[in-house]
Protein backbone atom coordinates (compact mmCIF):
# COMPACT_ATOMS: atom_id res chain seq x y z
CA UNK A 1 40.85 149.66 55.49
CA UNK A 2 43.18 151.88 53.61
CA UNK A 3 40.82 155.01 54.63
CA UNK A 4 40.81 153.97 58.00
CA UNK A 5 44.36 153.45 58.33
CA UNK A 6 45.38 156.77 56.93
CA UNK A 7 44.81 158.67 59.88
CA UNK A 8 44.34 162.11 59.46
CA UNK A 9 47.62 163.63 58.80
CA UNK A 10 47.23 166.88 60.84
CA UNK A 11 46.43 164.81 63.93
CA UNK A 12 49.69 162.79 63.97
CA UNK A 13 51.94 165.69 63.08
CA UNK A 14 50.37 167.90 65.49
CA UNK A 15 49.10 166.22 68.87
CA UNK A 16 45.84 167.60 70.06
CA UNK A 17 45.45 170.72 72.45
CA UNK A 18 45.03 168.53 75.54
CA UNK A 19 48.88 168.04 75.50
CA UNK A 20 49.08 164.54 74.18
CA UNK A 21 52.18 163.61 73.29
CA UNK A 22 53.48 162.22 70.02
CA UNK A 23 54.10 158.86 71.73
CA UNK A 24 50.72 158.57 72.99
CA UNK A 25 49.35 159.50 69.44
CA UNK A 26 51.28 156.61 67.88
CA UNK A 27 50.16 154.19 70.96
CA UNK A 28 46.51 155.12 70.32
CA UNK A 29 46.55 154.72 66.72
CA UNK A 30 48.13 151.06 66.90
CA UNK A 31 45.63 150.07 69.99
CA UNK A 32 42.92 150.88 67.58
CA UNK A 33 43.82 148.85 64.84
CA UNK A 34 45.97 145.86 66.17
CA UNK A 35 44.56 142.64 67.12
CA UNK A 36 43.36 142.46 70.91
CA UNK A 37 46.06 140.04 71.73
CA UNK A 38 48.59 142.72 71.27
CA UNK A 39 49.04 145.46 74.15
CA UNK A 40 50.73 148.63 73.43
CA UNK A 41 52.32 150.99 76.19
CA UNK A 42 55.52 152.98 77.21
CA UNK A 43 57.31 151.02 79.30
CA UNK A 44 60.93 149.61 80.77
CA UNK A 45 61.51 146.13 80.14
CA UNK A 46 62.97 143.93 82.78
CA UNK A 47 64.50 140.50 82.72
CA UNK A 48 64.67 137.83 85.59
CA UNK A 49 68.01 139.02 86.48
CA UNK A 50 66.87 142.16 87.50
CA UNK A 51 68.31 144.23 84.45
CA UNK A 52 66.39 146.82 83.03
CA UNK A 53 66.05 148.21 79.46
CA UNK A 54 65.95 152.10 78.65
CA UNK A 55 62.84 153.62 78.75
CA UNK A 56 61.13 152.59 75.63
CA UNK A 57 58.56 155.07 73.93
CA UNK A 58 56.25 152.38 72.30
CA UNK A 59 56.26 148.78 73.23
CA UNK A 60 54.16 146.24 71.57
CA UNK A 61 53.74 143.07 74.07
CA UNK A 62 51.98 140.23 74.87
CA UNK A 63 49.96 139.25 78.40
CA UNK A 64 48.88 135.69 77.39
CA UNK A 65 52.31 133.90 77.97
CA UNK A 66 53.67 136.69 80.29
CA UNK A 67 50.87 137.35 82.71
CA UNK A 68 52.35 140.09 84.75
CA UNK A 69 53.13 143.68 84.01
CA UNK A 70 54.16 145.75 86.94
CA UNK A 71 53.17 149.41 87.11
CA UNK A 72 54.89 151.75 89.67
CA UNK A 73 54.61 155.36 89.88
CA UNK A 74 52.80 155.33 86.08
CA UNK A 75 55.56 153.48 84.72
CA UNK A 76 54.97 149.95 83.42
CA UNK A 77 57.78 147.20 83.65
CA UNK A 78 57.14 144.51 81.40
CA UNK A 79 58.98 141.17 81.34
CA UNK A 80 61.27 140.74 78.41
CA UNK A 81 59.61 137.50 77.16
CA UNK A 82 56.49 139.02 76.38
CA UNK A 83 57.99 141.62 74.04
CA UNK A 84 57.11 141.66 70.22
CA UNK A 85 58.57 144.97 69.12
CA UNK A 86 59.88 148.29 70.50
CA UNK A 87 59.83 151.54 68.74
CA UNK A 88 61.61 154.88 69.29
CA UNK A 89 59.38 157.84 68.69
CA UNK A 90 60.69 161.34 67.37
CA UNK A 91 59.04 164.26 65.89
CA UNK A 92 61.62 164.13 62.63
CA UNK A 93 64.33 161.24 61.73
CA UNK A 94 66.56 164.25 61.51
CA UNK A 95 68.13 165.25 64.63
CA UNK A 96 70.40 164.34 67.68
CA UNK A 97 70.57 163.94 70.91
CA UNK A 98 73.46 164.10 73.81
CA UNK A 99 73.91 160.92 75.52
CA UNK A 100 76.39 161.29 78.33
CA UNK A 101 78.45 163.95 76.01
CA UNK A 102 78.36 161.70 72.98
CA UNK A 103 76.26 163.79 70.36
CA UNK A 104 74.41 160.74 68.25
CA UNK A 105 71.72 161.31 65.76
CA UNK A 106 68.25 159.97 66.45
CA UNK A 107 68.46 156.74 64.49
CA UNK A 108 71.80 155.75 66.03
CA UNK A 109 69.61 156.45 69.45
CA UNK A 110 66.94 154.37 68.53
CA UNK A 111 69.49 151.79 67.58
CA UNK A 112 70.67 151.82 71.54
CA UNK A 113 67.22 151.78 72.87
CA UNK A 114 66.57 148.71 70.92
CA UNK A 115 69.67 147.00 71.96
CA UNK A 116 68.98 147.71 75.49
CA UNK A 117 65.91 145.42 75.22
CA UNK A 118 67.24 142.88 72.98
CA UNK A 119 70.19 142.25 75.19
CA UNK A 120 67.72 141.09 78.31
CA UNK A 121 67.61 137.74 79.28
CA UNK A 122 64.55 135.87 78.05
CA UNK A 123 63.31 132.44 79.47
CA UNK A 124 61.31 129.99 77.68
CA UNK A 125 59.44 126.96 79.52
CA UNK A 126 56.66 124.34 78.40
CA UNK A 127 52.97 125.26 78.28
CA UNK A 128 49.91 122.86 78.30
CA UNK A 129 48.06 122.88 75.14
CA UNK A 130 44.65 120.87 74.93
CA UNK A 131 46.05 118.84 77.48
CA UNK A 132 49.32 117.96 75.90
CA UNK A 133 52.68 119.24 77.36
CA UNK A 134 54.43 121.13 74.65
CA UNK A 135 58.14 121.67 74.75
CA UNK A 136 60.06 125.36 75.32
CA UNK A 137 60.01 127.27 72.13
CA UNK A 138 62.91 129.21 70.88
CA UNK A 139 62.94 132.77 71.61
CA UNK A 140 61.25 134.80 69.01
CA UNK A 141 62.84 138.13 67.26
CA UNK A 142 62.40 141.40 68.68
CA UNK A 143 61.24 143.72 65.88
CA UNK A 144 63.11 147.37 66.46
CA UNK A 145 62.26 150.43 64.92
CA UNK A 146 61.83 154.43 64.81
CA UNK A 147 58.44 156.38 63.93
CA UNK A 148 58.35 160.11 63.08
CA UNK A 149 56.24 162.66 61.86
CA UNK A 150 58.06 163.92 59.13
CA UNK A 151 61.94 163.49 57.55
CA UNK A 152 64.09 166.50 56.83
CA UNK A 153 66.97 164.48 55.92
CA UNK A 154 67.50 165.92 52.36
CA UNK A 155 69.74 163.19 50.83
CA UNK A 156 68.42 159.57 50.73
CA UNK A 157 71.73 158.50 50.79
CA UNK A 158 72.59 160.03 54.08
CA UNK A 159 69.20 158.50 55.58
CA UNK A 160 70.39 155.10 54.30
CA UNK A 161 73.91 155.30 55.27
CA UNK A 162 72.49 156.05 59.18
CA UNK A 163 70.22 152.96 59.02
CA UNK A 164 73.19 150.88 57.59
CA UNK A 165 75.71 152.11 60.08
CA UNK A 166 73.58 149.90 63.07
CA UNK A 167 74.42 146.22 63.51
CA UNK A 168 74.10 143.29 66.23
CA UNK A 169 71.50 144.11 68.52
CA UNK A 170 71.05 147.66 67.61
CA UNK A 171 69.81 146.84 64.32
CA UNK A 172 66.72 148.54 63.14
CA UNK A 173 64.09 146.37 61.26
CA UNK A 174 61.37 149.09 60.03
CA UNK A 175 60.10 152.44 60.51
CA UNK A 176 57.80 155.06 59.31
CA UNK A 177 57.67 159.05 58.87
CA UNK A 178 54.27 159.97 58.15
CA UNK A 179 54.78 162.72 55.13
CA UNK A 180 57.96 160.67 53.90
CA UNK A 181 57.19 157.08 53.71
CA UNK A 182 57.61 153.67 55.57
CA UNK A 183 60.47 151.52 55.15
CA UNK A 184 61.52 148.08 55.66
CA UNK A 185 65.16 146.58 56.34
CA UNK A 186 65.85 143.16 54.66
CA UNK A 187 68.60 141.08 56.39
CA UNK A 188 70.42 138.19 55.37
CA UNK A 189 71.11 135.65 58.05
CA UNK A 190 69.34 132.70 59.80
CA UNK A 191 69.47 131.19 63.14
CA UNK A 192 71.68 128.42 63.70
CA UNK A 193 69.77 125.64 64.74
CA UNK A 194 72.33 123.47 66.13
CA UNK A 195 72.96 126.27 69.11
CA UNK A 196 70.76 124.62 71.74
CA UNK A 197 70.90 127.77 74.00
CA UNK A 198 67.81 129.68 73.11
CA UNK A 199 69.66 133.11 74.57
CA UNK A 200 72.91 132.73 72.68
CA UNK A 201 70.96 131.46 69.46
CA UNK A 202 69.20 134.84 69.07
CA UNK A 203 72.08 136.86 70.09
CA UNK A 204 74.31 135.16 67.43
CA UNK A 205 71.61 136.06 64.90
CA UNK A 206 71.49 139.27 65.41
CA UNK A 207 75.27 139.69 65.51
CA UNK A 208 75.78 137.89 62.39
CA UNK A 209 72.89 139.01 60.11
CA UNK A 210 73.67 141.91 57.56
CA UNK A 211 71.67 144.39 55.69
CA UNK A 212 70.63 143.22 52.16
CA UNK A 213 68.16 146.05 51.13
CA UNK A 214 66.09 148.85 52.29
CA UNK A 215 62.90 149.56 50.75
CA UNK A 216 60.68 152.77 51.17
CA UNK A 217 56.92 153.28 50.46
CA UNK A 218 55.43 156.31 48.96
CA UNK A 219 54.39 159.08 51.09
CA UNK A 220 50.83 158.89 50.39
CA UNK A 221 50.66 155.16 52.03
CA UNK A 222 53.19 155.35 54.89
CA UNK A 223 50.84 154.51 57.41
CA UNK A 224 49.08 151.81 55.61
CA UNK A 225 52.49 150.37 54.50
CA UNK A 226 53.73 150.59 57.94
CA UNK A 227 50.69 148.74 59.36
CA UNK A 228 50.88 146.17 56.97
CA UNK A 229 54.21 145.26 57.36
CA UNK A 230 54.24 145.37 61.12
CA UNK A 231 51.22 143.19 61.13
CA UNK A 232 53.05 140.72 58.87
CA UNK A 233 55.92 140.62 61.14
CA UNK A 234 53.89 139.99 64.12
CA UNK A 235 51.65 137.17 62.87
CA UNK A 236 53.25 135.33 60.26
CA UNK A 237 57.25 135.84 61.24
CA UNK A 238 57.02 136.03 65.14
CA UNK A 239 53.39 134.33 65.71
CA UNK A 240 53.61 133.98 69.94
CA UNK A 241 56.40 134.63 72.17
CA UNK A 242 57.68 131.89 74.20
CA UNK A 243 56.04 131.38 77.56
CA UNK A 244 57.72 133.02 80.80
CA UNK A 245 59.39 131.00 83.13
CA UNK A 246 58.16 132.31 86.50
CA UNK A 247 60.41 130.46 88.65
CA UNK A 248 63.55 132.44 87.19
CA UNK A 249 61.66 135.34 88.30
CA UNK A 250 60.54 133.82 91.85
CA UNK A 251 64.33 133.01 92.52
CA UNK A 252 64.99 136.59 92.51
CA UNK A 253 62.68 136.84 95.61
CA UNK A 254 63.73 133.65 97.06
CA UNK A 255 60.67 132.09 96.47
CA UNK A 256 60.38 128.64 95.29
CA UNK A 257 57.29 127.47 93.00
CA UNK A 258 55.67 124.28 93.27
CA UNK A 259 55.58 122.90 89.53
CA UNK A 260 53.03 119.95 90.46
CA UNK A 261 49.45 120.37 91.11
């Protein structure tokens, strides 16, 4: 397993001569190793009110409980309810981008992209499981991260400060720079179960949590460490996403769905 996950570093660092992008390399790698229940694509995330996220380099999402994904002009539009994780992909953790006249580092940029997904409205409705009606489940956390081929930030303290500067919906959970190492950001904070509105509950969780520790792996096991931690989050921390309430989306086109058979 370790040998399989340690994808040839040259392939990751230098996408093939056919012009494959770095994003495509990460997408194909995750498609190859994640269980089939998880879909992986570049996408824009949408909600039932018509709001859109930024363009996201890599989205891990569900199609069992969120059964529609729209594709227009080659762009996938994924309902917010189906999203498990979102990642910004860069060649290097070190770098900056100009956003509306504001020069921000790549990690801040990733945080903004993550927040654009987490802020969207997500619905939750009941499902029928083995003949029994199951009540709507609370909204799940959305893993947010950044992926890169390398890291040229010289001081570890600088990297940690960049990561610690992100809070609220922008907070990063994990990441990987192939020739540097994977990292996981531990947070203090729990959801307030007394909040009955699921949307407000998950938003309050992100706003109140704070970083307790940042752990880095060794460079030679970066991909393995990242994959194991991601899989742990997906399968043991999140489980299945909440079922989408299609009636909320139908309202946007003035369509009424009959709920009884």
